């Protein structure tokens, strides 16, 4: 899509549109809108707004696969910016970049910097910071700590912030289930998934479906798990999310095996092998002999 930004009013409209697109998971559309706004801002706006626009663009680009090329400018902006919001956004994006690179120690460092920068900002920013910190604690299997942080994040949210609440409920439900409180976890995951479906937030729905599928397998409900796993696989394929697709195939194989369907399990594992491990033709046979759930880390 194209959108002409020729004034500050156009910029504000573009910003509202890209925020809406991000919430709905239409990241390519959001990126195009930010690019249009950035061109105007660089010619006409004050430095803080130019930086803010860059930071919004960086956050979207990271989710679309950009990475190393953004890190130097993000670090430089974090060091030089006197704007509290921009400093927070820079730290948040750095933490997310290192999270995507599986460098959890660096990600945790920048998430803690972001939490400190968020202290002077609104409750929504503080809640986002706490949620990010919780995600990184989960990646290090520090589930009990993550639960405390997620609950703190929920307490900060305004009632109207339905999307962020649904995302945090998903994260919290997954942790509760892993800590042995499976029924509580399922209740939270179900609430999250219903909210995400109502909001049309399909990228977030994808992750919630995977979590729900995993926990359903844990409580011995493979038929329901298979249904959610198939929907997650469809969404992962549509969004080109390779990690989510791989996890969905693992879980679908485990669901088929739990249902006594060895042919179906082999079919899912063969698809996993051919798509992600082309040189490991032995993989389907191996996976049929083990509990695949132990091989899946949905949050790492």
C-alpha atoms as a PDB file:
ATOM      1  CA  UNK A   1       0.000   0.000   0.000  1.00  0.00           C
ATOM      2  CA  UNK A   2       1.118   3.608  -0.489  1.00  0.00           C
ATOM      3  CA  UNK A   3       0.434   6.539   1.812  1.00  0.00           C
ATOM      4  CA  UNK A   4       1.603  10.088   1.170  1.00  0.00           C
ATOM      5  CA  UNK A   5       2.975  11.910   4.222  1.00  0.00           C
ATOM      6  CA  UNK A   6       3.252  15.614   3.481  1.00  0.00           C
ATOM      7  CA  UNK A   7       2.466  17.215   6.860  1.00  0.00           C
ATOM      8  CA  UNK A   8       2.520  16.568  10.601  1.00  0.00           C
ATOM      9  CA  UNK A   9      -1.162  15.655  10.423  1.00  0.00           C
ATOM     10  CA  UNK A  10      -0.358  13.043   7.761  1.00  0.00           C
ATOM     11  CA  UNK A  11       2.448  11.752   9.973  1.00  0.00           C
ATOM     12  CA  UNK A  12       0.079  11.311  12.920  1.00  0.00           C
ATOM     13  CA  UNK A  13      -2.414   9.480  10.732  1.00  0.00           C
ATOM     14  CA  UNK A  14       0.327   7.215   9.397  1.00  0.00           C
ATOM     15  CA  UNK A  15       1.433   6.483  12.971  1.00  0.00           C
ATOM     16  CA  UNK A  16      -2.084   5.519  13.994  1.00  0.00           C
ATOM     17  CA  UNK A  17      -2.337   3.256  10.965  1.00  0.00           C
ATOM     18  CA  UNK A  18       0.986   1.533  11.512  1.00  0.00           C
ATOM     19  CA  UNK A  19       0.166   0.908  15.176  1.00  0.00           C
ATOM     20  CA  UNK A  20      -3.126  -0.646  14.124  1.00  0.00           C
ATOM     21  CA  UNK A  21      -1.361  -2.774  11.503  1.00  0.00           C
ATOM     22  CA  UNK A  22       1.228  -3.966  14.037  1.00  0.00           C
ATOM     23  CA  UNK A  23      -1.490  -4.999  16.480  1.00  0.00           C
ATOM     24  CA  UNK A  24      -3.209  -6.977  13.725  1.00  0.00           C
ATOM     25  CA  UNK A  25       0.065  -8.624  12.695  1.00  0.00           C
ATOM     26  CA  UNK A  26       0.238  -6.914   9.279  1.00  0.00           C
ATOM     27  CA  UNK A  27       3.898  -6.089   9.652  1.00  0.00           C
ATOM     28  CA  UNK A  28       4.743  -5.496   5.992  1.00  0.00           C
ATOM     29  CA  UNK A  29       1.941  -2.932   5.788  1.00  0.00           C
ATOM     30  CA  UNK A  30       3.157  -1.282   9.000  1.00  0.00           C
ATOM     31  CA  UNK A  31       6.716  -1.076   7.682  1.00  0.00           C
ATOM     32  CA  UNK A  32       5.581   0.662   4.494  1.00  0.00           C
ATOM     33  CA  UNK A  33       3.690   3.254   6.536  1.00  0.00           C
ATOM     34  CA  UNK A  34       6.695   3.900   8.796  1.00  0.00           C
ATOM     35  CA  UNK A  35       8.923   4.315   5.739  1.00  0.00           C
ATOM     36  CA  UNK A  36       6.569   6.926   4.323  1.00  0.00           C
ATOM     37  CA  UNK A  37       6.499   8.762   7.649  1.00  0.00           C
ATOM     38  CA  UNK A  38      10.286   8.546   8.050  1.00  0.00           C
ATOM     39  CA  UNK A  39      10.902  10.305   4.756  1.00  0.00           C
ATOM     40  CA  UNK A  40       8.800  13.277   5.873  1.00  0.00           C
ATOM     41  CA  UNK A  41      10.240  13.300   9.414  1.00  0.00           C
ATOM     42  CA  UNK A  42      13.851  13.423   8.221  1.00  0.00           C
ATOM     43  CA  UNK A  43      13.105  16.566   6.207  1.00  0.00           C
ATOM     44  CA  UNK A  44      10.752  18.362   8.572  1.00  0.00           C
ATOM     45  CA  UNK A  45      10.686  17.083  12.144  1.00  0.00           C
ATOM     46  CA  UNK A  46      12.717  17.593  15.302  1.00  0.00           C
ATOM     47  CA  UNK A  47      15.464  15.125  16.211  1.00  0.00           C
ATOM     48  CA  UNK A  48      13.391  13.297  18.853  1.00  0.00           C
ATOM     49  CA  UNK A  49      10.649  12.522  16.346  1.00  0.00           C
ATOM     50  CA  UNK A  50      13.154  11.357  13.724  1.00  0.00           C
ATOM     51  CA  UNK A  51      14.676   9.015  16.319  1.00  0.00           C
ATOM     52  CA  UNK A  52      11.240   7.812  17.434  1.00  0.00           C
ATOM     53  CA  UNK A  53      10.319   6.979  13.854  1.00  0.00           C
ATOM     54  CA  UNK A  54      13.571   5.070  13.353  1.00  0.00           C
ATOM     55  CA  UNK A  55      12.892   3.120  16.548  1.00  0.00           C
ATOM     56  CA  UNK A  56       9.386   2.219  15.455  1.00  0.00           C
ATOM     57  CA  UNK A  57      10.766   1.049  12.135  1.00  0.00           C
ATOM     58  CA  UNK A  58      13.503  -0.969  13.822  1.00  0.00           C
ATOM     59  CA  UNK A  59      11.009  -2.775  16.060  1.00  0.00           C
ATOM     60  CA  UNK A  60       8.964  -3.869  13.046  1.00  0.00           C
ATOM     61  CA  UNK A  61      11.986  -4.742  10.921  1.00  0.00           C
ATOM     62  CA  UNK A  62      13.349  -6.990  13.672  1.00  0.00           C
ATOM     63  CA  UNK A  63      10.171  -9.055  13.615  1.00  0.00           C
ATOM     64  CA  UNK A  64      10.489  -9.341   9.837  1.00  0.00           C
ATOM     65  CA  UNK A  65      14.004 -10.746  10.041  1.00  0.00           C
ATOM     66  CA  UNK A  66      16.367  -7.753  10.145  1.00  0.00           C
ATOM     67  CA  UNK A  67      19.030  -7.975  12.795  1.00  0.00           C
ATOM     68  CA  UNK A  68      22.737  -7.261  12.886  1.00  0.00           C
ATOM     69  CA  UNK A  69      22.573  -4.134  10.724  1.00  0.00           C
ATOM     70  CA  UNK A  70      20.320  -2.397  13.274  1.00  0.00           C
ATOM     71  CA  UNK A  71      22.381  -3.054  16.380  1.00  0.00           C
ATOM     72  CA  UNK A  72      25.047  -0.304  16.050  1.00  0.00           C
ATOM     73  CA  UNK A  73      22.512   2.494  15.548  1.00  0.00           C
ATOM     74  CA  UNK A  74      20.271   1.170  18.329  1.00  0.00           C
ATOM     75  CA  UNK A  75      23.198   1.107  20.763  1.00  0.00           C
ATOM     76  CA  UNK A  76      24.320   4.578  19.705  1.00  0.00           C
ATOM     77  CA  UNK A  77      20.819   5.961  20.104  1.00  0.00           C
ATOM     78  CA  UNK A  78      20.464   4.389  23.544  1.00  0.00           C
ATOM     79  CA  UNK A  79      23.672   6.121  24.661  1.00  0.00           C
ATOM     80  CA  UNK A  80      22.972   9.559  23.200  1.00  0.00           C
ATOM     81  CA  UNK A  81      19.220  10.056  23.521  1.00  0.00           C
ATOM     82  CA  UNK A  82      17.964  12.333  26.300  1.00  0.00           C
ATOM     83  CA  UNK A  83      14.350  11.455  25.505  1.00  0.00           C
ATOM     84  CA  UNK A  84      13.032   8.873  28.011  1.00  0.00           C
ATOM     85  CA  UNK A  85      10.671   7.252  25.518  1.00  0.00           C
ATOM     86  CA  UNK A  86      13.356   6.909  22.862  1.00  0.00           C
ATOM     87  CA  UNK A  87      15.813   5.483  25.369  1.00  0.00           C
ATOM     88  CA  UNK A  88      13.269   2.900  26.436  1.00  0.00           C
ATOM     89  CA  UNK A  89      12.435   1.933  22.854  1.00  0.00           C
ATOM     90  CA  UNK A  90      16.112   1.559  21.972  1.00  0.00           C
ATOM     91  CA  UNK A  91      16.755  -0.725  24.950  1.00  0.00           C
ATOM     92  CA  UNK A  92      13.589  -2.715  24.235  1.00  0.00           C
ATOM     93  CA  UNK A  93      14.570  -3.296  20.604  1.00  0.00           C
ATOM     94  CA  UNK A  94      18.123  -4.249  21.553  1.00  0.00           C
ATOM     95  CA  UNK A  95      16.762  -6.819  23.992  1.00  0.00           C
ATOM     96  CA  UNK A  96      14.439  -8.170  21.316  1.00  0.00           C
ATOM     97  CA  UNK A  97      17.248  -8.316  18.745  1.00  0.00           C
ATOM     98  CA  UNK A  98      19.436 -10.383  21.055  1.00  0.00           C
ATOM     99  CA  UNK A  99      16.465 -12.546  22.038  1.00  0.00           C
ATOM    100  CA  UNK A 100      15.929 -13.398  18.368  1.00  0.00           C
ATOM    101  CA  UNK A 101      19.648 -14.169  18.069  1.00  0.00           C
ATOM    102  CA  UNK A 102      19.333 -16.578  21.043  1.00  0.00           C
ATOM    103  CA  UNK A 103      21.807 -14.495  23.063  1.00  0.00           C
ATOM    104  CA  UNK A 104      19.795 -14.469  26.264  1.00  0.00           C
ATOM    105  CA  UNK A 105      22.415 -12.898  28.564  1.00  0.00           C
ATOM    106  CA  UNK A 106      22.736  -9.802  26.375  1.00  0.00           C
ATOM    107  CA  UNK A 107      18.977  -9.713  25.891  1.00  0.00           C
ATOM    108  CA  UNK A 108      18.411  -9.779  29.656  1.00  0.00           C
ATOM    109  CA  UNK A 109      20.900  -6.946  30.145  1.00  0.00           C
ATOM    110  CA  UNK A 110      19.101  -4.652  27.709  1.00  0.00           C
ATOM    111  CA  UNK A 111      15.673  -5.694  29.024  1.00  0.00           C
ATOM    112  CA  UNK A 112      16.774  -4.579  32.489  1.00  0.00           C
ATOM    113  CA  UNK A 113      18.014  -1.290  31.023  1.00  0.00           C
ATOM    114  CA  UNK A 114      14.631  -0.918  29.333  1.00  0.00           C
ATOM    115  CA  UNK A 115      12.818  -1.590  32.599  1.00  0.00           C
ATOM    116  CA  UNK A 116      14.828   1.161  34.284  1.00  0.00           C
ATOM    117  CA  UNK A 117      14.161   3.610  31.426  1.00  0.00           C
ATOM    118  CA  UNK A 118      10.433   2.790  31.558  1.00  0.00           C
ATOM    119  CA  UNK A 119      10.076   3.850  35.203  1.00  0.00           C
ATOM    120  CA  UNK A 120       9.289   7.451  34.208  1.00  0.00           C
ATOM    121  CA  UNK A 121       6.901   6.430  31.414  1.00  0.00           C
ATOM    122  CA  UNK A 122       3.265   5.383  31.324  1.00  0.00           C
ATOM    123  CA  UNK A 123       1.906   2.124  32.695  1.00  0.00           C
ATOM    124  CA  UNK A 124       1.670   0.548  29.252  1.00  0.00           C
ATOM    125  CA  UNK A 125       5.398   0.968  28.622  1.00  0.00           C
ATOM    126  CA  UNK A 126       6.204  -0.385  32.062  1.00  0.00           C
ATOM    127  CA  UNK A 127       3.943  -3.371  31.465  1.00  0.00           C
ATOM    128  CA  UNK A 128       5.613  -4.068  28.107  1.00  0.00           C
ATOM    129  CA  UNK A 129       9.021  -3.911  29.745  1.00  0.00           C
ATOM    130  CA  UNK A 130       7.996  -6.370  32.458  1.00  0.00           C
ATOM    131  CA  UNK A 131       6.512  -8.739  29.884  1.00  0.00           C
ATOM    132  CA  UNK A 132       9.730  -8.691  27.865  1.00  0.00           C
ATOM    133  CA  UNK A 133      11.768  -9.397  30.982  1.00  0.00           C
ATOM    134  CA  UNK A 134       9.452 -12.320  31.766  1.00  0.00           C
ATOM    135  CA  UNK A 135       9.957 -13.745  28.284  1.00  0.00           C
ATOM    136  CA  UNK A 136      13.715 -13.696  28.731  1.00  0.00           C
ATOM    137  CA  UNK A 137      13.492 -15.363  32.126  1.00  0.00           C
ATOM    138  CA  UNK A 138      11.427 -18.125  30.495  1.00  0.00           C
ATOM    139  CA  UNK A 139      14.105 -18.558  27.825  1.00  0.00           C
ATOM    140  CA  UNK A 140      16.488 -19.354  30.674  1.00  0.00           C
ATOM    141  CA  UNK A 141      13.938 -21.729  32.285  1.00  0.00           C
ATOM    142  CA  UNK A 142      13.472 -19.392  35.271  1.00  0.00           C
ATOM    143  CA  UNK A 143       9.728 -20.011  35.262  1.00  0.00           C
ATOM    144  CA  UNK A 144       8.871 -19.090  38.852  1.00  0.00           C
ATOM    145  CA  UNK A 145      10.596 -15.709  38.485  1.00  0.00           C
ATOM    146  CA  UNK A 146       8.832 -15.172  35.176  1.00  0.00           C
ATOM    147  CA  UNK A 147       5.416 -15.780  36.754  1.00  0.00           C
ATOM    148  CA  UNK A 148       6.070 -13.026  39.295  1.00  0.00           C
ATOM    149  CA  UNK A 149       7.136 -10.623  36.553  1.00  0.00           C
ATOM    150  CA  UNK A 150       4.167 -11.451  34.307  1.00  0.00           C
ATOM    151  CA  UNK A 151       1.731 -10.889  37.167  1.00  0.00           C
ATOM    152  CA  UNK A 152       3.359  -7.538  37.860  1.00  0.00           C
ATOM    153  CA  UNK A 153       2.944  -6.683  34.186  1.00  0.00           C
ATOM    154  CA  UNK A 154      -0.756  -7.528  34.288  1.00  0.00           C
ATOM    155  CA  UNK A 155      -1.273  -5.283  37.313  1.00  0.00           C
ATOM    156  CA  UNK A 156       0.131  -2.331  35.375  1.00  0.00           C
ATOM    157  CA  UNK A 157      -2.193  -2.689  32.393  1.00  0.00           C
ATOM    158  CA  UNK A 158      -5.218  -0.528  31.758  1.00  0.00           C
ATOM    159  CA  UNK A 159      -8.440  -2.489  31.290  1.00  0.00           C
ATOM    160  CA  UNK A 160      -8.712  -1.233  27.705  1.00  0.00           C
ATOM    161  CA  UNK A 161      -5.351  -2.711  26.683  1.00  0.00           C
ATOM    162  CA  UNK A 162      -6.872  -5.981  25.532  1.00  0.00           C
ATOM    163  CA  UNK A 163      -4.154  -7.113  23.140  1.00  0.00           C
ATOM    164  CA  UNK A 164      -1.281  -6.710  25.564  1.00  0.00           C
ATOM    165  CA  UNK A 165      -3.328  -8.402  28.289  1.00  0.00           C
ATOM    166  CA  UNK A 166      -4.054 -11.377  26.033  1.00  0.00           C
ATOM    167  CA  UNK A 167      -0.365 -11.757  25.145  1.00  0.00           C
ATOM    168  CA  UNK A 168       0.701 -11.685  28.791  1.00  0.00           C
ATOM    169  CA  UNK A 169      -2.019 -14.172  29.763  1.00  0.00           C
ATOM    170  CA  UNK A 170      -0.604 -16.555  27.151  1.00  0.00           C
ATOM    171  CA  UNK A 171       2.899 -16.208  28.580  1.00  0.00           C
ATOM    172  CA  UNK A 172       1.675 -16.585  32.146  1.00  0.00           C
ATOM    173  CA  UNK A 173      -0.477 -19.607  31.345  1.00  0.00           C
ATOM    174  CA  UNK A 174       2.428 -21.400  29.683  1.00  0.00           C
ATOM    175  CA  UNK A 175       4.629 -20.829  32.752  1.00  0.00           C
ATOM    176  CA  UNK A 176       1.948 -21.916  35.204  1.00  0.00           C
ATOM    177  CA  UNK A 177       1.510 -25.157  33.271  1.00  0.00           C
ATOM    178  CA  UNK A 178       5.249 -25.845  33.239  1.00  0.00           C
ATOM    179  CA  UNK A 179       5.359 -25.298  37.000  1.00  0.00           C
ATOM    180  CA  UNK A 180       2.768 -28.053  37.428  1.00  0.00           C
ATOM    181  CA  UNK A 181      -0.334 -25.863  37.734  1.00  0.00           C
ATOM    182  CA  UNK A 182      -1.714 -27.204  34.480  1.00  0.00           C
ATOM    183  CA  UNK A 183      -5.423 -26.539  34.932  1.00  0.00           C
ATOM    184  CA  UNK A 184      -4.702 -22.926  35.911  1.00  0.00           C
ATOM    185  CA  UNK A 185      -2.402 -22.687  32.924  1.00  0.00           C
ATOM    186  CA  UNK A 186      -5.035 -24.038  30.559  1.00  0.00           C
ATOM    187  CA  UNK A 187      -7.616 -21.574  31.882  1.00  0.00           C
ATOM    188  CA  UNK A 188      -5.279 -18.637  31.235  1.00  0.00           C
ATOM    189  CA  UNK A 189      -4.302 -19.932  27.793  1.00  0.00           C
ATOM    190  CA  UNK A 190      -7.932 -20.418  26.804  1.00  0.00           C
ATOM    191  CA  UNK A 191      -8.781 -16.864  27.880  1.00  0.00           C
ATOM    192  CA  UNK A 192      -5.814 -15.511  25.939  1.00  0.00           C
ATOM    193  CA  UNK A 193      -6.663 -17.405  22.776  1.00  0.00           C
ATOM    194  CA  UNK A 194     -10.286 -16.301  22.801  1.00  0.00           C
ATOM    195  CA  UNK A 195      -9.242 -12.658  23.177  1.00  0.00           C
ATOM    196  CA  UNK A 196      -6.664 -12.880  20.402  1.00  0.00           C
ATOM    197  CA  UNK A 197      -9.185 -14.431  18.034  1.00  0.00           C
ATOM    198  CA  UNK A 198     -11.700 -11.664  18.781  1.00  0.00           C
ATOM    199  CA  UNK A 199      -9.015  -9.055  18.140  1.00  0.00           C
ATOM    200  CA  UNK A 200      -7.915 -10.688  14.886  1.00  0.00           C
ATOM    201  CA  UNK A 201      -4.291 -10.730  16.098  1.00  0.00           C
ATOM    202  CA  UNK A 202      -3.208 -13.781  14.124  1.00  0.00           C
ATOM    203  CA  UNK A 203       0.548 -13.527  14.713  1.00  0.00           C
ATOM    204  CA  UNK A 204      -0.062 -13.595  18.446  1.00  0.00           C
ATOM    205  CA  UNK A 205      -2.731 -16.265  17.990  1.00  0.00           C
ATOM    206  CA  UNK A 206      -0.122 -18.479  16.339  1.00  0.00           C
ATOM    207  CA  UNK A 207       2.077 -18.489  19.455  1.00  0.00           C
ATOM    208  CA  UNK A 208      -0.879 -18.951  21.779  1.00  0.00           C
ATOM    209  CA  UNK A 209      -2.069 -21.938  19.719  1.00  0.00           C
ATOM    210  CA  UNK A 210       1.330 -23.584  20.052  1.00  0.00           C
ATOM    211  CA  UNK A 211       1.356 -23.053  23.818  1.00  0.00           C
ATOM    212  CA  UNK A 212      -2.203 -24.370  24.120  1.00  0.00           C
ATOM    213  CA  UNK A 213      -1.338 -27.396  21.976  1.00  0.00           C
ATOM    214  CA  UNK A 214       1.682 -28.199  24.140  1.00  0.00           C
ATOM    215  CA  UNK A 215      -0.220 -27.970  27.431  1.00  0.00           C
ATOM    216  CA  UNK A 216      -3.128 -30.021  26.067  1.00  0.00           C
ATOM    217  CA  UNK A 217      -0.632 -32.776  25.308  1.00  0.00           C
ATOM    218  CA  UNK A 218       0.709 -32.447  28.845  1.00  0.00           C
ATOM    219  CA  UNK A 219      -2.765 -33.035  30.334  1.00  0.00           C
ATOM    220  CA  UNK A 220      -3.539 -35.988  28.061  1.00  0.00           C
ATOM    221  CA  UNK A 221      -5.839 -34.377  25.486  1.00  0.00           C
ATOM    222  CA  UNK A 222      -4.106 -35.198  22.189  1.00  0.00           C
ATOM    223  CA  UNK A 223      -7.203 -34.848  20.003  1.00  0.00           C
ATOM    224  CA  UNK A 224      -7.747 -31.236  21.074  1.00  0.00           C
ATOM    225  CA  UNK A 225      -3.999 -30.638  20.853  1.00  0.00           C
ATOM    226  CA  UNK A 226      -3.977 -31.859  17.258  1.00  0.00           C
ATOM    227  CA  UNK A 227      -6.732 -29.416  16.318  1.00  0.00           C
ATOM    228  CA  UNK A 228      -4.846 -26.437  17.722  1.00  0.00           C
ATOM    229  CA  UNK A 229      -1.564 -27.689  16.281  1.00  0.00           C
ATOM    230  CA  UNK A 230      -3.020 -27.797  12.778  1.00  0.00           C
ATOM    231  CA  UNK A 231      -4.303 -24.241  13.063  1.00  0.00           C
ATOM    232  CA  UNK A 232      -0.903 -23.133  14.368  1.00  0.00           C
ATOM    233  CA  UNK A 233       0.818 -24.831  11.442  1.00  0.00           C
ATOM    234  CA  UNK A 234      -1.470 -23.066   8.962  1.00  0.00           C
ATOM    235  CA  UNK A 235      -0.713 -19.702  10.556  1.00  0.00           C
ATOM    236  CA  UNK A 236       3.029 -20.407  10.702  1.00  0.00           C
ATOM    237  CA  UNK A 237       3.051 -21.271   7.012  1.00  0.00           C
ATOM    238  CA  UNK A 238       1.046 -18.160   6.132  1.00  0.00           C
ATOM    239  CA  UNK A 239       3.424 -15.890   8.044  1.00  0.00           C
ATOM    240  CA  UNK A 240       6.589 -17.678   6.972  1.00  0.00           C
ATOM    241  CA  UNK A 241       7.564 -18.306  10.601  1.00  0.00           C
ATOM    242  CA  UNK A 242      10.036 -21.189  10.358  1.00  0.00           C
ATOM    243  CA  UNK A 243      10.527 -21.663  14.109  1.00  0.00           C
ATOM    244  CA  UNK A 244       6.785 -21.836  14.727  1.00  0.00           C
ATOM    245  CA  UNK A 245       6.318 -24.223  11.802  1.00  0.00           C
ATOM    246  CA  UNK A 246       9.008 -26.521  13.176  1.00  0.00           C
ATOM    247  CA  UNK A 247       7.444 -26.523  16.656  1.00  0.00           C
ATOM    248  CA  UNK A 248       3.999 -27.203  15.208  1.00  0.00           C
ATOM    249  CA  UNK A 249       5.311 -30.231  13.306  1.00  0.00           C
ATOM    250  CA  UNK A 250       6.941 -31.628  16.433  1.00  0.00           C
ATOM    251  CA  UNK A 251       3.715 -31.198  18.392  1.00  0.00           C
ATOM    252  CA  UNK A 252       1.498 -32.621  15.648  1.00  0.00           C
ATOM    253  CA  UNK A 253       3.705 -35.707  15.509  1.00  0.00           C
ATOM    254  CA  UNK A 254       3.469 -36.069  19.278  1.00  0.00           C
ATOM    255  CA  UNK A 255      -0.334 -35.692  19.156  1.00  0.00           C
ATOM    256  CA  UNK A 256      -0.649 -38.357  16.463  1.00  0.00           C
ATOM    257  CA  UNK A 257       1.606 -40.708  18.427  1.00  0.00           C
ATOM    258  CA  UNK A 258      -0.444 -40.163  21.601  1.00  0.00           C
ATOM    259  CA  UNK A 259      -3.565 -41.076  19.615  1.00  0.00           C
ATOM    260  CA  UNK A 260      -1.939 -44.338  18.480  1.00  0.00           C
ATOM    261  CA  UNK A 261      -1.627 -43.088  14.902  1.00  0.00           C
ATOM    262  CA  UNK A 262       1.962 -44.065  14.076  1.00  0.00           C
ATOM    263  CA  UNK A 263       1.393 -43.512  10.354  1.00  0.00           C
ATOM    264  CA  UNK A 264       0.229 -39.959  11.008  1.00  0.00           C
ATOM    265  CA  UNK A 265       3.099 -39.321  13.412  1.00  0.00           C
ATOM    266  CA  UNK A 266       5.608 -40.534  10.830  1.00  0.00           C
ATOM    267  CA  UNK A 267       4.043 -38.277   8.216  1.00  0.00           C
ATOM    268  CA  UNK A 268       4.460 -35.185  10.434  1.00  0.00           C
ATOM    269  CA  UNK A 269       7.991 -36.148  11.440  1.00  0.00           C
ATOM    270  CA  UNK A 270       8.923 -36.806   7.811  1.00  0.00           C
ATOM    271  CA  UNK A 271       7.694 -33.350   6.881  1.00  0.00           C
ATOM    272  CA  UNK A 272       9.756 -31.946   9.753  1.00  0.00           C
ATOM    273  CA  UNK A 273      12.833 -33.836   8.595  1.00  0.00           C
ATOM    274  CA  UNK A 274      12.547 -32.899   4.922  1.00  0.00           C
ATOM    275  CA  UNK A 275      11.875 -29.234   5.702  1.00  0.00           C
ATOM    276  CA  UNK A 276      14.394 -28.605   8.454  1.00  0.00           C
ATOM    277  CA  UNK A 277      16.853 -31.512   8.696  1.00  0.00           C
ATOM    278  CA  UNK A 278      17.294 -32.725   5.097  1.00  0.00           C
ATOM    279  CA  UNK A 279      20.426 -34.755   5.865  1.00  0.00           C
ATOM    280  CA  UNK A 280      18.875 -36.596   8.826  1.00  0.00           C
ATOM    281  CA  UNK A 281      16.766 -39.228   7.078  1.00  0.00           C
ATOM    282  CA  UNK A 282      16.839 -41.298  10.273  1.00  0.00           C
ATOM    283  CA  UNK A 283      14.958 -38.601  12.240  1.00  0.00           C
ATOM    284  CA  UNK A 284      11.353 -39.860  11.869  1.00  0.00           C
ATOM    285  CA  UNK A 285      12.339 -43.273  13.233  1.00  0.00           C
ATOM    286  CA  UNK A 286      14.142 -41.702  16.193  1.00  0.00           C
ATOM    287  CA  UNK A 287      11.265 -39.365  17.036  1.00  0.00           C
ATOM    288  CA  UNK A 288       8.798 -42.246  17.030  1.00  0.00           C
ATOM    289  CA  UNK A 289      10.788 -43.771  19.893  1.00  0.00           C
ATOM    290  CA  UNK A 290      11.009 -40.737  22.217  1.00  0.00           C
ATOM    291  CA  UNK A 291       8.745 -38.287  24.025  1.00  0.00           C
ATOM    292  CA  UNK A 292       8.989 -35.362  21.634  1.00  0.00           C
ATOM    293  CA  UNK A 293       7.579 -32.879  24.163  1.00  0.00           C
ATOM    294  CA  UNK A 294      10.945 -32.890  25.907  1.00  0.00           C
ATOM    295  CA  UNK A 295      12.596 -31.670  22.705  1.00  0.00           C
ATOM    296  CA  UNK A 296      10.332 -28.652  22.240  1.00  0.00           C
ATOM    297  CA  UNK A 297      11.077 -25.312  23.911  1.00  0.00           C
ATOM    298  CA  UNK A 298       8.438 -22.925  22.671  1.00  0.00           C
ATOM    299  CA  UNK A 299       9.901 -19.834  24.348  1.00  0.00           C
ATOM    300  CA  UNK A 300      13.657 -20.302  23.908  1.00  0.00           C
END
